[in-house]
């Protein structure tokens, strides 16, 4: 058997794969243990609860998304290009991480501890704040009208992104979240 961290990662990867099933039922520790071919007790040696497993997935999402956002904002000097790269990355992340998309939209958290949904809501708020910052930056660079309220535009963009995540998950991962995005992004920025 591998190291403790390896098994923990394996549990989280299996949970994420199970969440990729479009018509999946509520995931129980018993079904997760069966997929891993271990006992439920073995799961609890690594995680105190199923909620803690979902927290592990949320931590992965946060670290990945904000790591990529920080890279984009530090390397890209144009506010509009930051915004475009961040939004494309958010949609691309969903496209590549189906199970994580169900966590992002809260679908996988419906029957779980309420604090998990609150944590996802905070993640959404942080992403929206990042979009607002990029819009302010774009306004300061005269890439778009500085008189416009960046909060309202950031909220609209975040709403479209979460809507596309929902469409993707609810279509059984058939409706590509990137489809039409280039054209729609330009529409979202139109004066």
N, C-alpha and C. Protein backbone atom coordinates (compact mmCIF):
# COMPACT_ATOMS: atom_id res chain seq x y z
N UNK A 1 0.85 -1.19 0.00
CA UNK A 1 0.00 0.00 0.00
C UNK A 1 0.88 1.24 0.00
N UNK A 2 0.44 2.28 -0.73
CA UNK A 2 1.21 3.51 -0.86
C UNK A 2 1.15 4.36 0.39
N UNK A 3 1.73 5.51 0.28
CA UNK A 3 1.74 6.45 1.40
C UNK A 3 0.32 6.95 1.68
N UNK A 4 0.16 7.49 2.89
CA UNK A 4 -1.14 8.01 3.32
C UNK A 4 -1.67 9.09 2.36
N UNK A 5 -0.80 10.01 1.93
CA UNK A 5 -1.21 11.06 1.01
C UNK A 5 -1.65 10.53 -0.33
N UNK A 6 -1.00 9.45 -0.79
CA UNK A 6 -1.38 8.82 -2.06
C UNK A 6 -2.78 8.25 -1.98
N UNK A 7 -3.10 7.59 -0.88
CA UNK A 7 -4.43 6.99 -0.71
C UNK A 7 -5.49 8.08 -0.61
N UNK A 8 -5.16 9.15 0.09
CA UNK A 8 -6.09 10.27 0.22
C UNK A 8 -6.41 10.86 -1.16
N UNK A 9 -5.37 11.04 -1.96
CA UNK A 9 -5.54 11.56 -3.32
C UNK A 9 -6.37 10.58 -4.16
N UNK A 10 -6.10 9.30 -4.01
CA UNK A 10 -6.84 8.28 -4.75
C UNK A 10 -8.33 8.34 -4.39
N UNK A 11 -8.63 8.54 -3.13
CA UNK A 11 -10.03 8.64 -2.69
C UNK A 11 -10.70 9.85 -3.36
N UNK A 12 -10.01 10.99 -3.34
CA UNK A 12 -10.58 12.21 -3.95
C UNK A 12 -10.75 12.04 -5.46
N UNK A 13 -9.78 11.42 -6.12
CA UNK A 13 -9.89 11.21 -7.57
C UNK A 13 -11.05 10.29 -7.90
N UNK A 14 -11.25 9.26 -7.09
CA UNK A 14 -12.36 8.34 -7.31
C UNK A 14 -13.69 9.04 -7.09
N UNK A 15 -13.77 9.85 -6.04
CA UNK A 15 -14.99 10.62 -5.78
C UNK A 15 -15.29 11.54 -6.97
N UNK A 16 -14.28 12.22 -7.49
CA UNK A 16 -14.47 13.11 -8.64
C UNK A 16 -14.94 12.32 -9.86
N UNK A 17 -14.37 11.14 -10.08
CA UNK A 17 -14.79 10.30 -11.22
C UNK A 17 -16.24 9.85 -11.06
N UNK A 18 -16.62 9.51 -9.84
CA UNK A 18 -18.01 9.09 -9.59
C UNK A 18 -18.97 10.24 -9.87
N UNK A 19 -18.54 11.46 -9.59
CA UNK A 19 -19.38 12.64 -9.83
C UNK A 19 -19.53 12.94 -11.32
N UNK A 20 -18.69 12.34 -12.14
CA UNK A 20 -18.76 12.56 -13.59
C UNK A 20 -19.93 11.84 -14.23
N UNK A 21 -20.55 10.93 -13.51
CA UNK A 21 -21.69 10.21 -14.07
C UNK A 21 -22.89 11.14 -14.09
N UNK A 22 -23.41 11.44 -15.28
CA UNK A 22 -24.49 12.43 -15.40
C UNK A 22 -25.73 12.10 -14.57
N UNK A 23 -26.09 10.84 -14.49
CA UNK A 23 -27.31 10.48 -13.76
C UNK A 23 -26.97 9.84 -12.42
N UNK A 24 -25.84 10.26 -11.86
CA UNK A 24 -25.41 9.59 -10.63
C UNK A 24 -26.35 9.91 -9.47
N UNK A 25 -26.53 8.91 -8.66
CA UNK A 25 -27.34 9.09 -7.45
C UNK A 25 -26.43 9.66 -6.38
N UNK A 26 -27.02 9.89 -5.23
CA UNK A 26 -26.22 10.39 -4.11
C UNK A 26 -25.08 9.42 -3.85
N UNK A 27 -23.89 9.96 -3.74
CA UNK A 27 -22.72 9.12 -3.49
C UNK A 27 -22.62 8.87 -1.99
N UNK A 28 -22.58 7.60 -1.65
CA UNK A 28 -22.45 7.22 -0.24
C UNK A 28 -21.02 6.76 0.01
N UNK A 29 -20.65 6.74 1.27
CA UNK A 29 -19.31 6.23 1.59
C UNK A 29 -19.22 4.75 1.21
N UNK A 30 -20.34 4.04 1.29
CA UNK A 30 -20.34 2.61 0.92
C UNK A 30 -20.05 2.45 -0.57
N UNK A 31 -20.70 3.27 -1.41
CA UNK A 31 -20.45 3.16 -2.86
C UNK A 31 -19.04 3.62 -3.20
N UNK A 32 -18.55 4.64 -2.53
CA UNK A 32 -17.18 5.09 -2.76
C UNK A 32 -16.18 4.01 -2.35
N UNK A 33 -16.41 3.40 -1.19
CA UNK A 33 -15.53 2.32 -0.73
C UNK A 33 -15.56 1.15 -1.72
N UNK A 34 -16.73 0.83 -2.25
CA UNK A 34 -16.85 -0.28 -3.22
C UNK A 34 -16.05 0.03 -4.49
N UNK A 35 -16.12 1.28 -4.96
CA UNK A 35 -15.34 1.66 -6.15
C UNK A 35 -13.83 1.53 -5.90
N UNK A 36 -13.43 1.82 -4.69
CA UNK A 36 -12.01 1.75 -4.33
C UNK A 36 -11.58 0.34 -3.90
N UNK A 37 -12.58 -0.52 -3.71
CA UNK A 37 -12.34 -1.89 -3.22
C UNK A 37 -11.65 -1.88 -1.86
N UNK A 38 -12.17 -1.02 -0.97
CA UNK A 38 -11.71 -0.95 0.41
C UNK A 38 -12.94 -0.91 1.31
N UNK A 39 -12.72 -1.00 2.59
CA UNK A 39 -13.83 -0.89 3.54
C UNK A 39 -14.13 0.58 3.81
N UNK A 40 -15.34 0.83 4.31
CA UNK A 40 -15.67 2.20 4.70
C UNK A 40 -14.73 2.68 5.80
N UNK A 41 -14.34 1.77 6.68
CA UNK A 41 -13.41 2.13 7.75
C UNK A 41 -12.10 2.66 7.18
N UNK A 42 -11.67 2.08 6.05
CA UNK A 42 -10.43 2.56 5.41
C UNK A 42 -10.58 4.00 4.95
N UNK A 43 -11.77 4.37 4.47
CA UNK A 43 -12.01 5.77 4.06
C UNK A 43 -11.88 6.69 5.27
N UNK A 44 -12.44 6.25 6.40
CA UNK A 44 -12.46 7.09 7.59
C UNK A 44 -11.09 7.21 8.26
N UNK A 45 -10.15 6.38 7.83
CA UNK A 45 -8.78 6.55 8.33
C UNK A 45 -8.13 7.78 7.68
N UNK A 46 -8.66 8.18 6.53
CA UNK A 46 -8.09 9.31 5.79
C UNK A 46 -8.94 10.58 5.90
N UNK A 47 -10.23 10.40 6.08
CA UNK A 47 -11.16 11.54 6.18
C UNK A 47 -12.13 11.27 7.32
N UNK A 48 -12.37 12.27 8.15
CA UNK A 48 -13.27 12.11 9.29
C UNK A 48 -14.73 11.95 8.85
N UNK A 49 -15.06 12.47 7.66
CA UNK A 49 -16.44 12.42 7.19
C UNK A 49 -16.47 12.58 5.67
N UNK A 50 -17.63 12.32 5.10
CA UNK A 50 -17.79 12.54 3.66
C UNK A 50 -17.69 14.03 3.35
N UNK A 51 -18.16 14.86 4.26
CA UNK A 51 -18.05 16.31 4.07
C UNK A 51 -16.58 16.72 3.93
N UNK A 52 -15.72 16.07 4.70
CA UNK A 52 -14.29 16.37 4.60
C UNK A 52 -13.73 15.96 3.23
N UNK A 53 -14.28 14.92 2.65
CA UNK A 53 -13.86 14.51 1.30
C UNK A 53 -14.25 15.59 0.29
N UNK A 54 -15.48 16.09 0.41
CA UNK A 54 -15.92 17.16 -0.49
C UNK A 54 -15.09 18.43 -0.26
N UNK A 55 -14.73 18.69 0.98
CA UNK A 55 -13.85 19.84 1.26
C UNK A 55 -12.52 19.69 0.54
N UNK A 56 -12.03 18.46 0.46
CA UNK A 56 -10.80 18.19 -0.28
C UNK A 56 -10.94 18.52 -1.75
N UNK A 57 -12.10 18.19 -2.33
CA UNK A 57 -12.35 18.54 -3.73
C UNK A 57 -12.45 20.05 -3.91
N UNK A 58 -13.12 20.71 -2.98
CA UNK A 58 -13.26 22.17 -3.06
C UNK A 58 -11.90 22.84 -2.94
N UNK A 59 -11.06 22.33 -2.05
CA UNK A 59 -9.70 22.88 -1.92
C UNK A 59 -8.93 22.74 -3.22
N UNK A 60 -9.07 21.58 -3.87
CA UNK A 60 -8.41 21.38 -5.16
C UNK A 60 -8.91 22.40 -6.18
N UNK A 61 -10.22 22.60 -6.23
CA UNK A 61 -10.80 23.56 -7.17
C UNK A 61 -10.27 24.96 -6.89
N UNK A 62 -10.31 25.37 -5.61
CA UNK A 62 -9.82 26.71 -5.24
C UNK A 62 -8.36 26.90 -5.62
N UNK A 63 -7.53 25.93 -5.24
CA UNK A 63 -6.10 26.06 -5.53
C UNK A 63 -5.84 26.13 -7.03
N UNK A 64 -6.54 25.31 -7.79
CA UNK A 64 -6.34 25.29 -9.24
C UNK A 64 -6.82 26.59 -9.87
N UNK A 65 -8.07 26.97 -9.59
CA UNK A 65 -8.64 28.16 -10.22
C UNK A 65 -7.86 29.42 -9.85
N UNK A 66 -7.59 29.61 -8.56
CA UNK A 66 -6.92 30.85 -8.15
C UNK A 66 -5.44 30.84 -8.50
N UNK A 67 -4.84 29.67 -8.59
CA UNK A 67 -3.47 29.58 -9.09
C UNK A 67 -3.40 30.04 -10.54
N UNK A 68 -4.37 29.59 -11.35
CA UNK A 68 -4.41 29.99 -12.76
C UNK A 68 -4.78 31.47 -12.92
N UNK A 69 -5.72 31.94 -12.10
CA UNK A 69 -6.12 33.35 -12.14
C UNK A 69 -4.92 34.23 -11.80
N UNK A 70 -4.18 33.88 -10.75
CA UNK A 70 -3.01 34.67 -10.37
C UNK A 70 -1.97 34.68 -11.47
N UNK A 71 -1.79 33.56 -12.14
CA UNK A 71 -0.84 33.49 -13.26
C UNK A 71 -1.28 34.42 -14.39
N UNK A 72 -2.57 34.38 -14.71
CA UNK A 72 -3.11 35.22 -15.79
C UNK A 72 -2.93 36.70 -15.44
N UNK A 73 -3.33 37.09 -14.23
CA UNK A 73 -3.27 38.51 -13.88
C UNK A 73 -1.85 39.02 -13.74
N UNK A 74 -0.91 38.15 -13.40
CA UNK A 74 0.47 38.62 -13.29
C UNK A 74 1.17 38.69 -14.65
N UNK A 75 0.75 37.86 -15.60
CA UNK A 75 1.41 37.82 -16.90
C UNK A 75 0.74 38.70 -17.96
N UNK A 76 -0.57 38.88 -17.86
CA UNK A 76 -1.30 39.62 -18.89
C UNK A 76 -1.43 41.08 -18.49
N UNK A 77 -1.01 41.98 -19.35
CA UNK A 77 -1.00 43.41 -19.04
C UNK A 77 -2.28 44.14 -19.46
N UNK A 78 -3.12 43.51 -20.27
CA UNK A 78 -4.38 44.12 -20.72
C UNK A 78 -5.53 43.62 -19.84
N UNK A 79 -6.33 44.52 -19.33
CA UNK A 79 -7.48 44.15 -18.50
C UNK A 79 -8.49 43.30 -19.25
N UNK A 80 -8.76 43.67 -20.50
CA UNK A 80 -9.72 42.90 -21.32
C UNK A 80 -9.18 41.51 -21.58
N UNK A 81 -7.90 41.41 -21.88
CA UNK A 81 -7.31 40.08 -22.14
C UNK A 81 -7.28 39.24 -20.85
N UNK A 82 -7.07 39.88 -19.71
CA UNK A 82 -7.16 39.16 -18.44
C UNK A 82 -8.56 38.57 -18.29
N UNK A 83 -9.55 39.40 -18.52
CA UNK A 83 -10.94 38.99 -18.39
C UNK A 83 -11.25 37.85 -19.35
N UNK A 84 -10.82 37.98 -20.58
CA UNK A 84 -11.06 36.95 -21.59
C UNK A 84 -10.38 35.64 -21.21
N UNK A 85 -9.15 35.72 -20.75
CA UNK A 85 -8.40 34.51 -20.35
C UNK A 85 -9.00 33.85 -19.12
N UNK A 86 -9.41 34.66 -18.15
CA UNK A 86 -10.00 34.10 -16.93
C UNK A 86 -11.31 33.40 -17.24
N UNK A 87 -12.16 34.05 -18.03
CA UNK A 87 -13.46 33.42 -18.33
C UNK A 87 -13.27 32.14 -19.15
N UNK A 88 -12.39 32.17 -20.12
CA UNK A 88 -12.13 30.97 -20.92
C UNK A 88 -11.56 29.85 -20.04
N UNK A 89 -10.69 30.21 -19.10
CA UNK A 89 -10.11 29.22 -18.20
C UNK A 89 -11.20 28.60 -17.32
N UNK A 90 -12.13 29.42 -16.81
CA UNK A 90 -13.20 28.91 -15.97
C UNK A 90 -14.08 27.91 -16.72
N UNK A 91 -14.38 28.22 -17.96
CA UNK A 91 -15.20 27.31 -18.77
C UNK A 91 -14.40 26.07 -19.17
N UNK A 92 -13.12 26.26 -19.49
CA UNK A 92 -12.26 25.14 -19.84
C UNK A 92 -12.04 24.19 -18.67
N UNK A 93 -11.94 24.75 -17.46
CA UNK A 93 -11.78 23.92 -16.26
C UNK A 93 -12.98 22.99 -16.14
N UNK A 94 -14.18 23.52 -16.34
CA UNK A 94 -15.39 22.69 -16.26
C UNK A 94 -15.35 21.60 -17.33
N UNK A 95 -14.96 21.98 -18.51
CA UNK A 95 -14.90 21.05 -19.64
C UNK A 95 -13.98 19.86 -19.33
N UNK A 96 -12.88 20.14 -18.65
CA UNK A 96 -11.88 19.10 -18.36
C UNK A 96 -12.15 18.36 -17.05
N UNK A 97 -13.00 18.91 -16.21
CA UNK A 97 -13.24 18.37 -14.86
C UNK A 97 -14.73 18.24 -14.59
N UNK A 98 -15.34 17.27 -15.22
CA UNK A 98 -16.80 17.11 -15.13
C UNK A 98 -17.29 16.98 -13.69
N UNK A 99 -16.65 16.11 -12.92
CA UNK A 99 -17.08 15.91 -11.53
C UNK A 99 -16.95 17.19 -10.72
N UNK A 100 -15.89 17.93 -10.98
CA UNK A 100 -15.68 19.20 -10.27
C UNK A 100 -16.74 20.22 -10.66
N UNK A 101 -17.24 20.14 -11.89
CA UNK A 101 -18.30 21.04 -12.33
C UNK A 101 -19.54 20.83 -11.48
N UNK A 102 -19.85 19.58 -11.17
CA UNK A 102 -21.01 19.31 -10.32
C UNK A 102 -20.82 19.86 -8.92
N UNK A 103 -19.57 19.95 -8.46
CA UNK A 103 -19.29 20.57 -7.17
C UNK A 103 -19.44 22.09 -7.31
N UNK A 104 -18.91 22.65 -8.39
CA UNK A 104 -18.98 24.10 -8.62
C UNK A 104 -20.41 24.63 -8.67
N UNK A 105 -21.32 23.85 -9.24
CA UNK A 105 -22.70 24.33 -9.33
C UNK A 105 -23.52 23.93 -8.11
N UNK A 106 -22.90 23.19 -7.18
CA UNK A 106 -23.60 22.80 -5.96
C UNK A 106 -24.45 21.55 -6.10
N UNK A 107 -24.55 21.02 -7.30
CA UNK A 107 -25.36 19.85 -7.58
C UNK A 107 -24.92 18.65 -6.73
N UNK A 108 -23.63 18.46 -6.61
CA UNK A 108 -23.10 17.32 -5.84
C UNK A 108 -23.20 17.54 -4.34
N UNK A 109 -23.55 18.75 -3.93
CA UNK A 109 -23.56 19.09 -2.50
C UNK A 109 -24.96 19.15 -1.90
N UNK A 110 -25.98 18.84 -2.71
CA UNK A 110 -27.37 19.02 -2.29
C UNK A 110 -27.67 18.33 -0.96
N UNK A 111 -27.25 17.10 -0.79
CA UNK A 111 -27.59 16.36 0.43
C UNK A 111 -26.44 16.34 1.43
N UNK A 112 -25.50 17.26 1.25
CA UNK A 112 -24.32 17.29 2.11
C UNK A 112 -24.43 18.45 3.12
N UNK A 113 -23.41 18.61 3.91
CA UNK A 113 -23.38 19.66 4.92
C UNK A 113 -23.50 21.05 4.27
N UNK A 114 -24.34 21.89 4.83
CA UNK A 114 -24.61 23.22 4.27
C UNK A 114 -23.35 24.08 4.15
N UNK A 115 -22.38 23.87 5.02
CA UNK A 115 -21.16 24.69 4.97
C UNK A 115 -20.40 24.48 3.66
N UNK A 116 -20.56 23.31 3.02
CA UNK A 116 -19.90 23.05 1.74
C UNK A 116 -20.46 23.98 0.67
N UNK A 117 -21.79 24.13 0.65
CA UNK A 117 -22.41 25.04 -0.32
C UNK A 117 -21.99 26.48 -0.03
N UNK A 118 -21.89 26.83 1.24
CA UNK A 118 -21.44 28.18 1.59
C UNK A 118 -20.02 28.42 1.09
N UNK A 119 -19.19 27.40 1.18
CA UNK A 119 -17.82 27.54 0.70
C UNK A 119 -17.77 27.73 -0.82
N UNK A 120 -18.62 27.01 -1.54
CA UNK A 120 -18.70 27.18 -3.00
C UNK A 120 -19.22 28.58 -3.31
N UNK A 121 -20.20 29.05 -2.55
CA UNK A 121 -20.71 30.41 -2.76
C UNK A 121 -19.59 31.44 -2.57
N UNK A 122 -18.75 31.23 -1.56
CA UNK A 122 -17.61 32.14 -1.34
C UNK A 122 -16.63 32.07 -2.50
N UNK A 123 -16.41 30.89 -3.04
CA UNK A 123 -15.53 30.74 -4.20
C UNK A 123 -16.09 31.55 -5.36
N UNK A 124 -17.40 31.43 -5.61
CA UNK A 124 -18.04 32.20 -6.69
C UNK A 124 -17.85 33.71 -6.45
N UNK A 125 -18.03 34.14 -5.20
CA UNK A 125 -17.86 35.56 -4.87
C UNK A 125 -16.44 36.03 -5.13
N UNK A 126 -15.46 35.19 -4.79
CA UNK A 126 -14.05 35.55 -5.03
C UNK A 126 -13.75 35.64 -6.53
N UNK A 127 -14.30 34.71 -7.30
CA UNK A 127 -14.10 34.75 -8.75
C UNK A 127 -14.74 36.02 -9.31
N UNK A 128 -15.94 36.33 -8.86
CA UNK A 128 -16.62 37.54 -9.34
C UNK A 128 -15.81 38.79 -8.98
N UNK A 129 -15.24 38.82 -7.79
CA UNK A 129 -14.40 39.96 -7.39
C UNK A 129 -13.18 40.08 -8.31
N UNK A 130 -12.64 38.95 -8.73
CA UNK A 130 -11.51 38.96 -9.66
C UNK A 130 -11.93 39.52 -11.01
N UNK A 131 -13.11 39.14 -11.47
CA UNK A 131 -13.63 39.66 -12.74
C UNK A 131 -13.84 41.17 -12.64
N UNK A 132 -14.36 41.61 -11.51
CA UNK A 132 -14.57 43.05 -11.28
C UNK A 132 -13.24 43.80 -11.32
N UNK A 133 -12.22 43.21 -10.71
CA UNK A 133 -10.89 43.83 -10.71
C UNK A 133 -10.36 43.97 -12.14
N UNK A 134 -10.52 42.93 -12.95
CA UNK A 134 -10.07 42.97 -14.34
C UNK A 134 -10.84 44.04 -15.12
N UNK A 135 -12.14 44.17 -14.84
CA UNK A 135 -12.94 45.20 -15.50
C UNK A 135 -12.49 46.60 -15.10
N UNK A 136 -12.19 46.78 -13.82
CA UNK A 136 -11.67 48.08 -13.36
C UNK A 136 -10.34 48.39 -14.05
N UNK A 137 -9.50 47.39 -14.14
CA UNK A 137 -8.20 47.52 -14.78
C UNK A 137 -8.39 47.91 -16.25
N UNK A 138 -9.33 47.25 -16.92
CA UNK A 138 -9.63 47.57 -18.33
C UNK A 138 -10.15 49.00 -18.46
N UNK A 139 -10.98 49.42 -17.53
CA UNK A 139 -11.49 50.80 -17.55
C UNK A 139 -10.38 51.80 -17.35
N UNK A 140 -9.46 51.50 -16.43
CA UNK A 140 -8.32 52.37 -16.18
C UNK A 140 -7.37 52.46 -17.36
N UNK A 141 -7.37 51.45 -18.21
CA UNK A 141 -6.53 51.44 -19.41
C UNK A 141 -7.27 51.96 -20.63
N UNK A 142 -8.49 52.44 -20.41
CA UNK A 142 -9.35 52.93 -21.50
C UNK A 142 -9.66 51.85 -22.54
N UNK A 143 -9.70 50.61 -22.11
CA UNK A 143 -10.10 49.51 -23.00
C UNK A 143 -11.62 49.39 -23.06
N UNK A 144 -12.28 49.99 -22.09
CA UNK A 144 -13.74 50.06 -22.08
C UNK A 144 -14.14 51.27 -21.24
N UNK A 145 -15.39 51.64 -21.29
CA UNK A 145 -15.86 52.84 -20.59
C UNK A 145 -15.64 52.71 -19.08
N UNK A 146 -14.92 53.65 -18.52
CA UNK A 146 -14.63 53.63 -17.08
C UNK A 146 -15.84 54.06 -16.26
N UNK A 147 -16.83 54.67 -16.90
CA UNK A 147 -18.01 55.15 -16.18
C UNK A 147 -18.95 54.01 -15.82
N UNK A 148 -18.86 52.91 -16.51
CA UNK A 148 -19.73 51.78 -16.26
C UNK A 148 -19.41 51.14 -14.91
N UNK A 149 -20.43 50.58 -14.26
CA UNK A 149 -20.25 49.92 -12.97
C UNK A 149 -19.64 48.54 -13.19
N UNK A 150 -18.38 48.35 -12.78
CA UNK A 150 -17.74 47.04 -12.99
C UNK A 150 -18.40 45.93 -12.16
N UNK A 151 -19.05 46.28 -11.06
CA UNK A 151 -19.73 45.27 -10.24
C UNK A 151 -20.88 44.62 -11.01
N UNK A 152 -21.66 45.45 -11.69
CA UNK A 152 -22.80 44.94 -12.45
C UNK A 152 -22.33 44.05 -13.60
N UNK A 153 -21.30 44.48 -14.31
CA UNK A 153 -20.79 43.71 -15.45
C UNK A 153 -20.14 42.41 -14.96
N UNK A 154 -19.40 42.46 -13.87
CA UNK A 154 -18.77 41.25 -13.32
C UNK A 154 -19.83 40.25 -12.89
N UNK A 155 -20.92 40.74 -12.29
CA UNK A 155 -22.00 39.86 -11.88
C UNK A 155 -22.66 39.21 -13.09
N UNK A 156 -22.85 39.98 -14.16
CA UNK A 156 -23.44 39.43 -15.38
C UNK A 156 -22.54 38.34 -15.96
N UNK A 157 -21.26 38.60 -16.05
CA UNK A 157 -20.31 37.62 -16.60
C UNK A 157 -20.28 36.36 -15.74
N UNK A 158 -20.26 36.53 -14.41
CA UNK A 158 -20.25 35.37 -13.52
C UNK A 158 -21.54 34.58 -13.66
N UNK A 159 -22.65 35.28 -13.83
CA UNK A 159 -23.94 34.59 -14.02
C UNK A 159 -23.94 33.76 -15.30
N UNK A 160 -23.36 34.29 -16.35
CA UNK A 160 -23.28 33.56 -17.62
C UNK A 160 -22.37 32.33 -17.45
N UNK A 161 -21.25 32.51 -16.78
CA UNK A 161 -20.34 31.38 -16.57
C UNK A 161 -21.03 30.27 -15.77
N UNK A 162 -21.67 30.63 -14.66
CA UNK A 162 -22.34 29.59 -13.86
C UNK A 162 -23.49 28.96 -14.64
N UNK A 163 -24.17 29.76 -15.46
CA UNK A 163 -25.22 29.21 -16.31
C UNK A 163 -24.68 28.19 -17.30
N UNK A 164 -23.52 28.48 -17.86
CA UNK A 164 -22.90 27.54 -18.81
C UNK A 164 -22.42 26.29 -18.08
N UNK A 165 -21.93 26.44 -16.84
CA UNK A 165 -21.57 25.26 -16.05
C UNK A 165 -22.80 24.38 -15.82
N UNK A 166 -23.94 25.03 -15.48
CA UNK A 166 -25.19 24.29 -15.26
C UNK A 166 -25.62 23.57 -16.53
N UNK A 167 -25.61 24.27 -17.66
CA UNK A 167 -26.01 23.65 -18.92
C UNK A 167 -25.15 22.42 -19.21
N UNK A 168 -23.86 22.56 -18.98
CA UNK A 168 -22.94 21.46 -19.25
C UNK A 168 -23.27 20.25 -18.38
N UNK A 169 -23.41 20.47 -17.08
CA UNK A 169 -23.70 19.37 -16.17
C UNK A 169 -25.08 18.78 -16.43
N UNK A 170 -26.08 19.62 -16.61
CA UNK A 170 -27.46 19.15 -16.76
C UNK A 170 -27.70 18.48 -18.12
N UNK A 171 -26.82 18.72 -19.08
CA UNK A 171 -26.96 18.05 -20.39
C UNK A 171 -26.25 16.70 -20.38
N UNK A 172 -25.80 16.27 -19.21
CA UNK A 172 -25.04 15.02 -19.14
C UNK A 172 -23.66 15.20 -19.74
N UNK A 173 -23.14 16.43 -19.65
CA UNK A 173 -21.81 16.81 -20.15
C UNK A 173 -21.73 16.73 -21.67
N UNK A 174 -22.84 16.96 -22.32
CA UNK A 174 -22.86 16.96 -23.79
C UNK A 174 -22.80 18.38 -24.36
N UNK A 175 -23.32 19.35 -23.64
CA UNK A 175 -23.37 20.73 -24.13
C UNK A 175 -22.07 21.43 -23.78
N UNK A 176 -21.22 21.61 -24.75
CA UNK A 176 -19.88 22.16 -24.57
C UNK A 176 -19.94 23.57 -23.97
N UNK A 177 -19.32 23.78 -22.80
CA UNK A 177 -19.37 25.11 -22.18
C UNK A 177 -18.61 26.18 -22.98
N UNK A 178 -17.76 25.76 -23.91
CA UNK A 178 -17.00 26.72 -24.72
C UNK A 178 -17.71 27.09 -26.03
N UNK A 179 -18.77 26.35 -26.36
CA UNK A 179 -19.47 26.61 -27.62
C UNK A 179 -20.01 28.04 -27.65
N UNK A 180 -19.73 28.73 -28.72
CA UNK A 180 -20.16 30.13 -28.95
C UNK A 180 -19.50 31.14 -28.01
N UNK A 181 -18.56 30.71 -27.17
CA UNK A 181 -18.05 31.61 -26.14
C UNK A 181 -17.39 32.86 -26.71
N UNK A 182 -16.60 32.74 -27.77
CA UNK A 182 -15.93 33.91 -28.34
C UNK A 182 -16.92 35.01 -28.71
N UNK A 183 -17.97 34.63 -29.39
CA UNK A 183 -19.00 35.60 -29.79
C UNK A 183 -19.76 36.14 -28.58
N UNK A 184 -20.11 35.25 -27.67
CA UNK A 184 -20.87 35.68 -26.49
C UNK A 184 -20.03 36.58 -25.59
N UNK A 185 -18.74 36.30 -25.48
CA UNK A 185 -17.88 37.14 -24.66
C UNK A 185 -17.86 38.56 -25.20
N UNK A 186 -17.74 38.70 -26.51
CA UNK A 186 -17.75 40.05 -27.13
C UNK A 186 -19.07 40.76 -26.84
N UNK A 187 -20.18 40.01 -26.87
CA UNK A 187 -21.48 40.59 -26.57
C UNK A 187 -21.55 41.08 -25.13
N UNK A 188 -20.97 40.32 -24.21
CA UNK A 188 -20.96 40.71 -22.79
C UNK A 188 -20.17 42.00 -22.56
N UNK A 189 -19.22 42.29 -23.44
CA UNK A 189 -18.40 43.49 -23.28
C UNK A 189 -18.90 44.67 -24.11
N UNK A 190 -19.93 44.43 -24.93
CA UNK A 190 -20.42 45.50 -25.81
C UNK A 190 -20.93 46.68 -24.99
N UNK A 191 -20.64 47.85 -25.49
CA UNK A 191 -21.07 49.09 -24.80
C UNK A 191 -22.52 49.36 -25.05
